[in-house]
Amino acid sequence: LCEYAHELLQDENVDFKIKEKVANELFDKIIYNKDENTLY
């Protein structure tokens, strides 16, 4: 599922609204820590 989502979200031919819907269905939250340069 992660592999598929990654491919879909990177695909320039996929409409942003579809990417937004997929992201909202899969992810509860995404946190970027700039100091540690980490993504949760």
PDB file of all heavy atoms in Angstrom:
ATOM      1  N   LEU A   1       0.826  -1.200   0.000  1.00  0.00           N
ATOM      2  CA  LEU A   1       0.000   0.000   0.000  1.00  0.00           C
ATOM      3  C   LEU A   1       0.864   1.256   0.000  1.00  0.00           C
ATOM      4  O   LEU A   1       0.597   2.206  -0.739  1.00  0.00           O
ATOM      5  CB  LEU A   1      -0.930  -0.014   1.214  1.00  0.00           C
ATOM      6  CG  LEU A   1      -1.961   1.085   1.311  1.00  0.00           C
ATOM      7  CD1 LEU A   1      -2.904   1.069   0.119  1.00  0.00           C
ATOM      8  CD2 LEU A   1      -2.751   0.932   2.603  1.00  0.00           C
ATOM      9  N   CYS A   2       1.912   1.255   0.792  1.00  0.00           N
ATOM     10  CA  CYS A   2       2.834   2.397   0.836  1.00  0.00           C
ATOM     11  C   CYS A   2       3.523   2.589  -0.508  1.00  0.00           C
ATOM     12  O   CYS A   2       3.673   3.714  -0.982  1.00  0.00           O
ATOM     13  CB  CYS A   2       3.896   2.198   1.920  1.00  0.00           C
ATOM     14  SG  CYS A   2       3.266   2.329   3.583  1.00  0.00           S
ATOM     15  N   GLU A   3       3.931   1.491  -1.103  1.00  0.00           N
ATOM     16  CA  GLU A   3       4.591   1.535  -2.403  1.00  0.00           C
ATOM     17  C   GLU A   3       3.654   2.136  -3.455  1.00  0.00           C
ATOM     18  O   GLU A   3       4.040   3.009  -4.230  1.00  0.00           O
ATOM     19  CB  GLU A   3       4.984   0.109  -2.797  1.00  0.00           C
ATOM     20  CG  GLU A   3       6.188   0.008  -3.663  1.00  0.00           C
ATOM     21  CD  GLU A   3       6.616  -1.454  -3.820  1.00  0.00           C
ATOM     22  OE1 GLU A   3       5.761  -2.340  -3.994  1.00  0.00           O
ATOM     23  OE2 GLU A   3       7.832  -1.691  -3.777  1.00  0.00           O
ATOM     24  N   TYR A   4       2.401   1.677  -3.453  1.00  0.00           N
ATOM     25  CA  TYR A   4       1.396   2.178  -4.397  1.00  0.00           C
ATOM     26  C   TYR A   4       1.129   3.664  -4.163  1.00  0.00           C
ATOM     27  O   TYR A   4       1.094   4.460  -5.106  1.00  0.00           O
ATOM     28  CB  TYR A   4       0.106   1.370  -4.276  1.00  0.00           C
ATOM     29  CG  TYR A   4      -1.020   1.922  -5.111  1.00  0.00           C
ATOM     30  CD1 TYR A   4      -0.997   1.806  -6.501  1.00  0.00           C
ATOM     31  CD2 TYR A   4      -2.092   2.570  -4.515  1.00  0.00           C
ATOM     32  CE1 TYR A   4      -2.018   2.321  -7.274  1.00  0.00           C
ATOM     33  CE2 TYR A   4      -3.113   3.097  -5.285  1.00  0.00           C
ATOM     34  CZ  TYR A   4      -3.080   2.964  -6.660  1.00  0.00           C
ATOM     35  OH  TYR A   4      -4.085   3.488  -7.424  1.00  0.00           O
ATOM     36  N   ALA A   5       0.944   4.043  -2.912  1.00  0.00           N
ATOM     37  CA  ALA A   5       0.668   5.442  -2.577  1.00  0.00           C
ATOM     38  C   ALA A   5       1.840   6.324  -2.994  1.00  0.00           C
ATOM     39  O   ALA A   5       1.640   7.411  -3.551  1.00  0.00           O
ATOM     40  CB  ALA A   5       0.388   5.591  -1.083  1.00  0.00           C
ATOM     41  N   HIS A   6       3.042   5.864  -2.760  1.00  0.00           N
ATOM     42  CA  HIS A   6       4.241   6.620  -3.139  1.00  0.00           C
ATOM     43  C   HIS A   6       4.271   6.855  -4.645  1.00  0.00           C
ATOM     44  O   HIS A   6       4.510   7.977  -5.110  1.00  0.00           O
ATOM     45  CB  HIS A   6       5.490   5.871  -2.678  1.00  0.00           C
ATOM     46  CG  HIS A   6       6.758   6.584  -2.984  1.00  0.00           C
ATOM     47  ND1 HIS A   6       7.545   6.241  -4.049  1.00  0.00           N
ATOM     48  CD2 HIS A   6       7.361   7.631  -2.377  1.00  0.00           C
ATOM     49  CE1 HIS A   6       8.589   7.039  -4.093  1.00  0.00           C
ATOM     50  NE2 HIS A   6       8.512   7.895  -3.086  1.00  0.00           N
ATOM     51  N   GLU A   7       4.019   5.817  -5.419  1.00  0.00           N
ATOM     52  CA  GLU A   7       4.009   5.938  -6.879  1.00  0.00           C
ATOM     53  C   GLU A   7       2.916   6.911  -7.330  1.00  0.00           C
ATOM     54  O   GLU A   7       3.152   7.769  -8.181  1.00  0.00           O
ATOM     55  CB  GLU A   7       3.780   4.573  -7.531  1.00  0.00           C
ATOM     56  CG  GLU A   7       4.955   3.638  -7.417  1.00  0.00           C
ATOM     57  CD  GLU A   7       4.661   2.256  -7.957  1.00  0.00           C
ATOM     58  OE1 GLU A   7       3.669   2.089  -8.707  1.00  0.00           O
ATOM     59  OE2 GLU A   7       5.421   1.338  -7.630  1.00  0.00           O
ATOM     60  N   LEU A   8       1.746   6.769  -6.764  1.00  0.00           N
ATOM     61  CA  LEU A   8       0.612   7.615  -7.129  1.00  0.00           C
ATOM     62  C   LEU A   8       0.881   9.077  -6.787  1.00  0.00           C
ATOM     63  O   LEU A   8       0.650   9.973  -7.606  1.00  0.00           O
ATOM     64  CB  LEU A   8      -0.650   7.132  -6.406  1.00  0.00           C
ATOM     65  CG  LEU A   8      -1.930   7.852  -6.783  1.00  0.00           C
ATOM     66  CD1 LEU A   8      -2.481   7.257  -8.068  1.00  0.00           C
ATOM     67  CD2 LEU A   8      -2.944   7.736  -5.672  1.00  0.00           C
ATOM     68  N   LEU A   9       1.403   9.327  -5.592  1.00  0.00           N
ATOM     69  CA  LEU A   9       1.628  10.702  -5.149  1.00  0.00           C
ATOM     70  C   LEU A   9       2.762  11.375  -5.934  1.00  0.00           C
ATOM     71  O   LEU A   9       2.776  12.596  -6.066  1.00  0.00           O
ATOM     72  CB  LEU A   9       1.905  10.736  -3.647  1.00  0.00           C
ATOM     73  CG  LEU A   9       0.725  10.313  -2.763  1.00  0.00           C
ATOM     74  CD1 LEU A   9       1.165  10.204  -1.315  1.00  0.00           C
ATOM     75  CD2 LEU A   9      -0.451  11.263  -2.899  1.00  0.00           C
ATOM     76  N   GLN A  10       3.672  10.599  -6.480  1.00  0.00           N
ATOM     77  CA  GLN A  10       4.767  11.172  -7.266  1.00  0.00           C
ATOM     78  C   GLN A  10       4.417  11.363  -8.738  1.00  0.00           C
ATOM     79  O   GLN A  10       5.080  12.121  -9.432  1.00  0.00           O
ATOM     80  CB  GLN A  10       6.003  10.280  -7.187  1.00  0.00           C
ATOM     81  CG  GLN A  10       6.778  10.435  -5.922  1.00  0.00           C
ATOM     82  CD  GLN A  10       8.127   9.762  -6.048  1.00  0.00           C
ATOM     83  OE1 GLN A  10       8.269   8.704  -6.643  1.00  0.00           O
ATOM     84  NE2 GLN A  10       9.140  10.377  -5.470  1.00  0.00           N
ATOM     85  N   ASP A  11       3.391  10.690  -9.194  1.00  0.00           N
ATOM     86  CA  ASP A  11       3.026  10.731 -10.611  1.00  0.00           C
ATOM     87  C   ASP A  11       2.478  12.104 -10.994  1.00  0.00           C
ATOM     88  O   ASP A  11       1.460  12.555 -10.490  1.00  0.00           O
ATOM     89  CB  ASP A  11       1.982   9.651 -10.903  1.00  0.00           C
ATOM     90  CG  ASP A  11       1.727   9.453 -12.380  1.00  0.00           C
ATOM     91  OD1 ASP A  11       1.975  10.383 -13.175  1.00  0.00           O
ATOM     92  OD2 ASP A  11       1.268   8.346 -12.735  1.00  0.00           O
ATOM     93  N   GLU A  12       3.180  12.783 -11.905  1.00  0.00           N
ATOM     94  CA  GLU A  12       2.778  14.115 -12.339  1.00  0.00           C
ATOM     95  C   GLU A  12       1.474  14.095 -13.134  1.00  0.00           C
ATOM     96  O   GLU A  12       0.814  15.124 -13.270  1.00  0.00           O
ATOM     97  CB  GLU A  12       3.889  14.745 -13.194  1.00  0.00           C
ATOM     98  CG  GLU A  12       5.153  15.015 -12.418  1.00  0.00           C
ATOM     99  CD  GLU A  12       6.284  15.518 -13.308  1.00  0.00           C
ATOM    100  OE1 GLU A  12       6.064  15.744 -14.510  1.00  0.00           O
ATOM    101  OE2 GLU A  12       7.392  15.688 -12.769  1.00  0.00           O
ATOM    102  N   ASN A  13       1.096  12.937 -13.671  1.00  0.00           N
ATOM    103  CA  ASN A  13      -0.112  12.828 -14.482  1.00  0.00           C
ATOM    104  C   ASN A  13      -1.377  12.618 -13.652  1.00  0.00           C
ATOM    105  O   ASN A  13      -2.475  12.645 -14.189  1.00  0.00           O
ATOM    106  CB  ASN A  13       0.029  11.685 -15.497  1.00  0.00           C
ATOM    107  CG  ASN A  13       1.164  11.936 -16.462  1.00  0.00           C
ATOM    108  OD1 ASN A  13       1.314  13.044 -16.982  1.00  0.00           O
ATOM    109  ND2 ASN A  13       1.983  10.929 -16.694  1.00  0.00           N
ATOM    110  N   VAL A  14      -1.221  12.393 -12.355  1.00  0.00           N
ATOM    111  CA  VAL A  14      -2.372  12.179 -11.476  1.00  0.00           C
ATOM    112  C   VAL A  14      -2.815  13.525 -10.911  1.00  0.00           C
ATOM    113  O   VAL A  14      -2.005  14.293 -10.392  1.00  0.00           O
ATOM    114  CB  VAL A  14      -2.026  11.193 -10.334  1.00  0.00           C
ATOM    115  CG1 VAL A  14      -3.188  11.044  -9.367  1.00  0.00           C
ATOM    116  CG2 VAL A  14      -1.635   9.843 -10.911  1.00  0.00           C
ATOM    117  N   ASP A  15      -4.106  13.811 -11.042  1.00  0.00           N
ATOM    118  CA  ASP A  15      -4.687  15.064 -10.572  1.00  0.00           C
ATOM    119  C   ASP A  15      -4.476  15.243  -9.060  1.00  0.00           C
ATOM    120  O   ASP A  15      -4.565  14.281  -8.298  1.00  0.00           O
ATOM    121  CB  ASP A  15      -6.179  15.077 -10.905  1.00  0.00           C
ATOM    122  CG  ASP A  15      -6.837  16.396 -10.563  1.00  0.00           C
ATOM    123  OD1 ASP A  15      -6.674  17.351 -11.348  1.00  0.00           O
ATOM    124  OD2 ASP A  15      -7.500  16.460  -9.508  1.00  0.00           O
ATOM    125  N   PHE A  16      -4.213  16.483  -8.644  1.00  0.00           N
ATOM    126  CA  PHE A  16      -3.965  16.776  -7.229  1.00  0.00           C
ATOM    127  C   PHE A  16      -5.134  16.366  -6.341  1.00  0.00           C
ATOM    128  O   PHE A  16      -4.936  15.888  -5.228  1.00  0.00           O
ATOM    129  CB  PHE A  16      -3.659  18.266  -7.027  1.00  0.00           C
ATOM    130  CG  PHE A  16      -3.340  18.588  -5.596  1.00  0.00           C
ATOM    131  CD1 PHE A  16      -2.087  18.312  -5.069  1.00  0.00           C
ATOM    132  CD2 PHE A  16      -4.316  19.129  -4.762  1.00  0.00           C
ATOM    133  CE1 PHE A  16      -1.806  18.586  -3.736  1.00  0.00           C
ATOM    134  CE2 PHE A  16      -4.033  19.397  -3.432  1.00  0.00           C
ATOM    135  CZ  PHE A  16      -2.782  19.130  -2.917  1.00  0.00           C
ATOM    136  N   LYS A  17      -6.361  16.525  -6.814  1.00  0.00           N
ATOM    137  CA  LYS A  17      -7.540  16.155  -5.999  1.00  0.00           C
ATOM    138  C   LYS A  17      -7.542  14.658  -5.688  1.00  0.00           C
ATOM    139  O   LYS A  17      -7.939  14.255  -4.604  1.00  0.00           O
ATOM    140  CB  LYS A  17      -8.827  16.585  -6.689  1.00  0.00           C
ATOM    141  CG  LYS A  17      -9.000  18.081  -6.725  1.00  0.00           C
ATOM    142  CD  LYS A  17     -10.439  18.439  -6.973  1.00  0.00           C
ATOM    143  CE  LYS A  17     -10.597  19.937  -7.035  1.00  0.00           C
ATOM    144  NZ  LYS A  17     -10.918  20.550  -5.768  1.00  0.00           N
ATOM    145  N   ILE A  18      -7.096  13.851  -6.624  1.00  0.00           N
ATOM    146  CA  ILE A  18      -7.009  12.402  -6.388  1.00  0.00           C
ATOM    147  C   ILE A  18      -5.917  12.117  -5.369  1.00  0.00           C
ATOM    148  O   ILE A  18      -6.104  11.319  -4.447  1.00  0.00           O
ATOM    149  CB  ILE A  18      -6.754  11.644  -7.708  1.00  0.00           C
ATOM    150  CG1 ILE A  18      -7.970  11.777  -8.622  1.00  0.00           C
ATOM    151  CG2 ILE A  18      -6.423  10.178  -7.445  1.00  0.00           C
ATOM    152  CD1 ILE A  18      -7.768  11.249 -10.020  1.00  0.00           C
ATOM    153  N   LYS A  19      -4.776  12.790  -5.515  1.00  0.00           N
ATOM    154  CA  LYS A  19      -3.676  12.611  -4.558  1.00  0.00           C
ATOM    155  C   LYS A  19      -4.125  13.013  -3.156  1.00  0.00           C
ATOM    156  O   LYS A  19      -3.815  12.343  -2.172  1.00  0.00           O
ATOM    157  CB  LYS A  19      -2.477  13.452  -4.977  1.00  0.00           C
ATOM    158  CG  LYS A  19      -1.809  12.971  -6.233  1.00  0.00           C
ATOM    159  CD  LYS A  19      -0.659  13.874  -6.612  1.00  0.00           C
ATOM    160  CE  LYS A  19       0.020  13.410  -7.881  1.00  0.00           C
ATOM    161  NZ  LYS A  19       1.178  14.231  -8.223  1.00  0.00           N
ATOM    162  N   GLU A  20      -4.858  14.117  -3.065  1.00  0.00           N
ATOM    163  CA  GLU A  20      -5.349  14.588  -1.769  1.00  0.00           C
ATOM    164  C   GLU A  20      -6.294  13.563  -1.143  1.00  0.00           C
ATOM    165  O   GLU A  20      -6.196  13.259   0.048  1.00  0.00           O
ATOM    166  CB  GLU A  20      -6.059  15.930  -1.950  1.00  0.00           C
ATOM    167  CG  GLU A  20      -6.593  16.512  -0.668  1.00  0.00           C
ATOM    168  CD  GLU A  20      -7.308  17.832  -0.884  1.00  0.00           C
ATOM    169  OE1 GLU A  20      -7.959  18.022  -1.924  1.00  0.00           O
ATOM    170  OE2 GLU A  20      -7.213  18.670   0.023  1.00  0.00           O
ATOM    171  N   LYS A  21      -7.180  13.003  -1.962  1.00  0.00           N
ATOM    172  CA  LYS A  21      -8.131  12.001  -1.456  1.00  0.00           C
ATOM    173  C   LYS A  21      -7.391  10.758  -0.950  1.00  0.00           C
ATOM    174  O   LYS A  21      -7.687  10.244   0.130  1.00  0.00           O
ATOM    175  CB  LYS A  21      -9.131  11.626  -2.548  1.00  0.00           C
ATOM    176  CG  LYS A  21     -10.190  10.665  -2.090  1.00  0.00           C
ATOM    177  CD  LYS A  21     -11.225  10.428  -3.169  1.00  0.00           C
ATOM    178  CE  LYS A  21     -12.176   9.340  -2.792  1.00  0.00           C
ATOM    179  NZ  LYS A  21     -13.314   9.759  -2.055  1.00  0.00           N
ATOM    180  N   VAL A  22      -6.416  10.289  -1.712  1.00  0.00           N
ATOM    181  CA  VAL A  22      -5.637   9.113  -1.308  1.00  0.00           C
ATOM    182  C   VAL A  22      -4.905   9.397  -0.002  1.00  0.00           C
ATOM    183  O   VAL A  22      -4.927   8.593   0.932  1.00  0.00           O
ATOM    184  CB  VAL A  22      -4.647   8.701  -2.421  1.00  0.00           C
ATOM    185  CG1 VAL A  22      -3.636   7.685  -1.911  1.00  0.00           C
ATOM    186  CG2 VAL A  22      -5.397   8.140  -3.608  1.00  0.00           C
ATOM    187  N   ALA A  23      -4.250  10.554   0.070  1.00  0.00           N
ATOM    188  CA  ALA A  23      -3.506  10.915   1.278  1.00  0.00           C
ATOM    189  C   ALA A  23      -4.430  10.989   2.486  1.00  0.00           C
ATOM    190  O   ALA A  23      -4.092  10.498   3.570  1.00  0.00           O
ATOM    191  CB  ALA A  23      -2.778  12.235   1.077  1.00  0.00           C
ATOM    192  N   ASN A  24      -5.601  11.579   2.320  1.00  0.00           N
ATOM    193  CA  ASN A  24      -6.553  11.694   3.429  1.00  0.00           C
ATOM    194  C   ASN A  24      -7.096  10.341   3.871  1.00  0.00           C
ATOM    195  O   ASN A  24      -7.414  10.161   5.043  1.00  0.00           O
ATOM    196  CB  ASN A  24      -7.700  12.632   3.062  1.00  0.00           C
ATOM    197  CG  ASN A  24      -7.285  14.080   3.094  1.00  0.00           C
ATOM    198  OD1 ASN A  24      -6.427  14.472   3.864  1.00  0.00           O
ATOM    199  ND2 ASN A  24      -7.890  14.885   2.240  1.00  0.00           N
ATOM    200  N   GLU A  25      -7.199   9.399   2.938  1.00  0.00           N
ATOM    201  CA  GLU A  25      -7.679   8.055   3.281  1.00  0.00           C
ATOM    202  C   GLU A  25      -6.611   7.245   4.013  1.00  0.00           C
ATOM    203  O   GLU A  25      -6.927   6.434   4.872  1.00  0.00           O
ATOM    204  CB  GLU A  25      -8.098   7.297   2.012  1.00  0.00           C
ATOM    205  CG  GLU A  25      -9.392   7.764   1.425  1.00  0.00           C
ATOM    206  CD  GLU A  25     -10.596   7.432   2.299  1.00  0.00           C
ATOM    207  OE1 GLU A  25     -10.642   6.323   2.880  1.00  0.00           O
ATOM    208  OE2 GLU A  25     -11.480   8.288   2.402  1.00  0.00           O
ATOM    209  N   LEU A  26      -5.346   7.464   3.669  1.00  0.00           N
ATOM    210  CA  LEU A  26      -4.264   6.649   4.222  1.00  0.00           C
ATOM    211  C   LEU A  26      -3.658   7.178   5.507  1.00  0.00           C
ATOM    212  O   LEU A  26      -3.335   6.423   6.407  1.00  0.00           O
ATOM    213  CB  LEU A  26      -3.133   6.518   3.187  1.00  0.00           C
ATOM    214  CG  LEU A  26      -3.425   5.707   1.949  1.00  0.00           C
ATOM    215  CD1 LEU A  26      -2.232   5.768   1.003  1.00  0.00           C
ATOM    216  CD2 LEU A  26      -3.741   4.276   2.304  1.00  0.00           C
ATOM    217  N   PHE A  27      -3.472   8.498   5.563  1.00  0.00           N
ATOM    218  CA  PHE A  27      -2.681   9.071   6.651  1.00  0.00           C
ATOM    219  C   PHE A  27      -3.533   9.777   7.686  1.00  0.00           C
ATOM    220  O   PHE A  27      -4.419  10.542   7.350  1.00  0.00           O
ATOM    221  CB  PHE A  27      -1.654  10.063   6.087  1.00  0.00           C
ATOM    222  CG  PHE A  27      -0.834   9.502   4.963  1.00  0.00           C
ATOM    223  CD1 PHE A  27      -0.801  10.127   3.735  1.00  0.00           C
ATOM    224  CD2 PHE A  27      -0.099   8.344   5.134  1.00  0.00           C
ATOM    225  CE1 PHE A  27      -0.043   9.606   2.688  1.00  0.00           C
ATOM    226  CE2 PHE A  27       0.666   7.815   4.094  1.00  0.00           C
ATOM    227  CZ  PHE A  27       0.688   8.451   2.867  1.00  0.00           C
ATOM    228  N   ASP A  28      -3.226   9.502   8.941  1.00  0.00           N
ATOM    229  CA  ASP A  28      -3.870  10.198  10.043  1.00  0.00           C
ATOM    230  C   ASP A  28      -3.201  11.557  10.225  1.00  0.00           C
ATOM    231  O   ASP A  28      -3.859  12.582  10.329  1.00  0.00           O
ATOM    232  CB  ASP A  28      -3.769   9.365  11.317  1.00  0.00           C
ATOM    233  CG  ASP A  28      -4.525   9.970  12.472  1.00  0.00           C
ATOM    234  OD1 ASP A  28      -5.578  10.588  12.226  1.00  0.00           O
ATOM    235  OD2 ASP A  28      -4.063   9.829  13.616  1.00  0.00           O
ATOM    236  N   LYS A  29      -1.869  11.536  10.225  1.00  0.00           N
ATOM    237  CA  LYS A  29      -1.111  12.786  10.296  1.00  0.00           C
ATOM    238  C   LYS A  29       0.316  12.528   9.844  1.00  0.00           C
ATOM    239  O   LYS A  29       0.817  11.405   9.887  1.00  0.00           O
ATOM    240  CB  LYS A  29      -1.134  13.390  11.694  1.00  0.00           C
ATOM    241  CG  LYS A  29      -0.530  12.528  12.776  1.00  0.00           C
ATOM    242  CD  LYS A  29      -0.689  13.173  14.144  1.00  0.00           C
ATOM    243  CE  LYS A  29      -0.305  12.187  15.237  1.00  0.00           C
ATOM    244  NZ  LYS A  29      -0.475  12.754  16.555  1.00  0.00           N
ATOM    245  N   ILE A  30       0.944  13.613   9.388  1.00  0.00           N
ATOM    246  CA  ILE A  30       2.335  13.581   8.969  1.00  0.00           C
ATOM    247  C   ILE A  30       3.028  14.744   9.653  1.00  0.00           C
ATOM    248  O   ILE A  30       2.554  15.882   9.575  1.00  0.00           O
ATOM    249  CB  ILE A  30       2.464  13.706   7.440  1.00  0.00           C
ATOM    250  CG1 ILE A  30       1.734  12.544   6.755  1.00  0.00           C
ATOM    251  CG2 ILE A  30       3.928  13.749   7.029  1.00  0.00           C
ATOM    252  CD1 ILE A  30       1.641  12.679   5.246  1.00  0.00           C
ATOM    253  N   ILE A  31       4.120  14.446  10.334  1.00  0.00           N
ATOM    254  CA  ILE A  31       4.838  15.488  11.078  1.00  0.00           C
ATOM    255  C   ILE A  31       6.275  15.532  10.588  1.00  0.00           C
ATOM    256  O   ILE A  31       6.975  14.518  10.578  1.00  0.00           O
ATOM    257  CB  ILE A  31       4.813  15.202  12.594  1.00  0.00           C
ATOM    258  CG1 ILE A  31       3.371  15.155  13.095  1.00  0.00           C
ATOM    259  CG2 ILE A  31       5.638  16.234  13.354  1.00  0.00           C
ATOM    260  CD1 ILE A  31       3.225  14.682  14.526  1.00  0.00           C
ATOM    261  N   TYR A  32       6.699  16.728  10.195  1.00  0.00           N
ATOM    262  CA  TYR A  32       8.088  16.940   9.794  1.00  0.00           C
ATOM    263  C   TYR A  32       8.796  17.704  10.901  1.00  0.00           C
ATOM    264  O   TYR A  32       8.357  18.763  11.312  1.00  0.00           O
ATOM    265  CB  TYR A  32       8.168  17.726   8.481  1.00  0.00           C
ATOM    266  CG  TYR A  32       9.588  18.093   8.103  1.00  0.00           C
ATOM    267  CD1 TYR A  32      10.514  17.111   7.772  1.00  0.00           C
ATOM    268  CD2 TYR A  32      10.007  19.415   8.088  1.00  0.00           C
ATOM    269  CE1 TYR A  32      11.815  17.433   7.441  1.00  0.00           C
ATOM    270  CE2 TYR A  32      11.302  19.760   7.751  1.00  0.00           C
ATOM    271  CZ  TYR A  32      12.207  18.763   7.431  1.00  0.00           C
ATOM    272  OH  TYR A  32      13.496  19.087   7.103  1.00  0.00           O
ATOM    273  N   ASN A  33       9.906  17.152  11.386  1.00  0.00           N
ATOM    274  CA  ASN A  33      10.714  17.803  12.409  1.00  0.00           C
ATOM    275  C   ASN A  33      11.940  18.394  11.716  1.00  0.00           C
ATOM    276  O   ASN A  33      12.867  17.669  11.339  1.00  0.00           O
ATOM    277  CB  ASN A  33      11.125  16.804  13.485  1.00  0.00           C
ATOM    278  CG  ASN A  33      11.895  17.448  14.607  1.00  0.00           C
ATOM    279  OD1 ASN A  33      12.719  18.324  14.381  1.00  0.00           O
ATOM    280  ND2 ASN A  33      11.644  17.000  15.825  1.00  0.00           N
ATOM    281  N   LYS A  34      11.914  19.712  11.523  1.00  0.00           N
ATOM    282  CA  LYS A  34      12.982  20.382  10.792  1.00  0.00           C
ATOM    283  C   LYS A  34      14.327  20.248  11.500  1.00  0.00           C
ATOM    284  O   LYS A  34      15.357  20.029  10.852  1.00  0.00           O
ATOM    285  CB  LYS A  34      12.624  21.859  10.614  1.00  0.00           C
ATOM    286  CG  LYS A  34      13.583  22.614   9.750  1.00  0.00           C
ATOM    287  CD  LYS A  34      13.117  24.046   9.548  1.00  0.00           C
ATOM    288  CE  LYS A  34      14.100  24.824   8.700  1.00  0.00           C
ATOM    289  NZ  LYS A  34      13.663  26.207   8.493  1.00  0.00           N
ATOM    290  N   ASP A  35      14.350  20.369  12.813  1.00  0.00           N
ATOM    291  CA  ASP A  35      15.598  20.290  13.568  1.00  0.00           C
ATOM    292  C   ASP A  35      16.291  18.939  13.396  1.00  0.00           C
ATOM    293  O   ASP A  35      17.511  18.862  13.297  1.00  0.00           O
ATOM    294  CB  ASP A  35      15.357  20.558  15.056  1.00  0.00           C
ATOM    295  CG  ASP A  35      14.871  21.979  15.318  1.00  0.00           C
ATOM    296  OD1 ASP A  35      15.178  22.869  14.494  1.00  0.00           O
ATOM    297  OD2 ASP A  35      14.176  22.190  16.328  1.00  0.00           O
ATOM    298  N   GLU A  36      15.498  17.873  13.397  1.00  0.00           N
ATOM    299  CA  GLU A  36      16.051  16.520  13.263  1.00  0.00           C
ATOM    300  C   GLU A  36      16.051  16.030  11.818  1.00  0.00           C
ATOM    301  O   GLU A  36      16.587  14.966  11.523  1.00  0.00           O
ATOM    302  CB  GLU A  36      15.243  15.538  14.118  1.00  0.00           C
ATOM    303  CG  GLU A  36      15.289  15.818  15.601  1.00  0.00           C
ATOM    304  CD  GLU A  36      14.396  14.875  16.391  1.00  0.00           C
ATOM    305  OE1 GLU A  36      13.826  13.934  15.805  1.00  0.00           O
ATOM    306  OE2 GLU A  36      14.255  15.091  17.602  1.00  0.00           O
ATOM    307  N   ASN A  37      15.386  16.789  10.935  1.00  0.00           N
ATOM    308  CA  ASN A  37      15.209  16.405   9.540  1.00  0.00           C
ATOM    309  C   ASN A  37      14.585  15.008   9.446  1.00  0.00           C
ATOM    310  O   ASN A  37      15.070  14.121   8.738  1.00  0.00           O
ATOM    311  CB  ASN A  37      16.518  16.467   8.758  1.00  0.00           C
ATOM    312  CG  ASN A  37      16.279  16.394   7.258  1.00  0.00           C
ATOM    313  OD1 ASN A  37      15.253  16.859   6.769  1.00  0.00           O
ATOM    314  ND2 ASN A  37      17.212  15.811   6.539  1.00  0.00           N
ATOM    315  N   THR A  38      13.499  14.821  10.203  1.00  0.00           N
ATOM    316  CA  THR A  38      12.797  13.544  10.224  1.00  0.00           C
ATOM    317  C   THR A  38      11.338  13.749   9.830  1.00  0.00           C
ATOM    318  O   THR A  38      10.768  14.825  10.024  1.00  0.00           O
ATOM    319  CB  THR A  38      12.847  12.884  11.607  1.00  0.00           C
ATOM    320  OG1 THR A  38      12.351  13.813  12.577  1.00  0.00           O
ATOM    321  CG2 THR A  38      14.258  12.465  11.976  1.00  0.00           C
ATOM    322  N   LEU A  39      10.759  12.711   9.291  1.00  0.00           N
ATOM    323  CA  LEU A  39       9.358  12.725   8.880  1.00  0.00           C
ATOM    324  C   LEU A  39       8.655  11.569   9.577  1.00  0.00           C
ATOM    325  O   LEU A  39       9.088  10.416   9.463  1.00  0.00           O
ATOM    326  CB  LEU A  39       9.256  12.566   7.362  1.00  0.00           C
ATOM    327  CG  LEU A  39       7.882  12.702   6.739  1.00  0.00           C
ATOM    328  CD1 LEU A  39       7.410  14.163   6.844  1.00  0.00           C
ATOM    329  CD2 LEU A  39       7.932  12.271   5.287  1.00  0.00           C
ATOM    330  N   TYR A  40       7.616  11.866  10.320  1.00  0.00           N
ATOM    331  CA  TYR A  40       6.822  10.849  11.012  1.00  0.00           C
ATOM    332  C   TYR A  40       5.479  10.734  10.316  1.00  0.00           C
ATOM    333  O   TYR A  40       4.761  11.721  10.184  1.00  0.00           O
ATOM    334  CB  TYR A  40       6.612  11.218  12.485  1.00  0.00           C
ATOM    335  CG  TYR A  40       7.904  11.302  13.255  1.00  0.00           C
ATOM    336  CD1 TYR A  40       8.572  12.511  13.416  1.00  0.00           C
ATOM    337  CD2 TYR A  40       8.465  10.160  13.815  1.00  0.00           C
ATOM    338  CE1 TYR A  40       9.769  12.587  14.110  1.00  0.00           C
ATOM    339  CE2 TYR A  40       9.661  10.227  14.513  1.00  0.00           C
ATOM    340  CZ  TYR A  40      10.303  11.442  14.653  1.00  0.00           C
ATOM    341  OH  TYR A  40      11.480  11.514  15.340  1.00  0.00           O
TER     342      TYR A  40
END
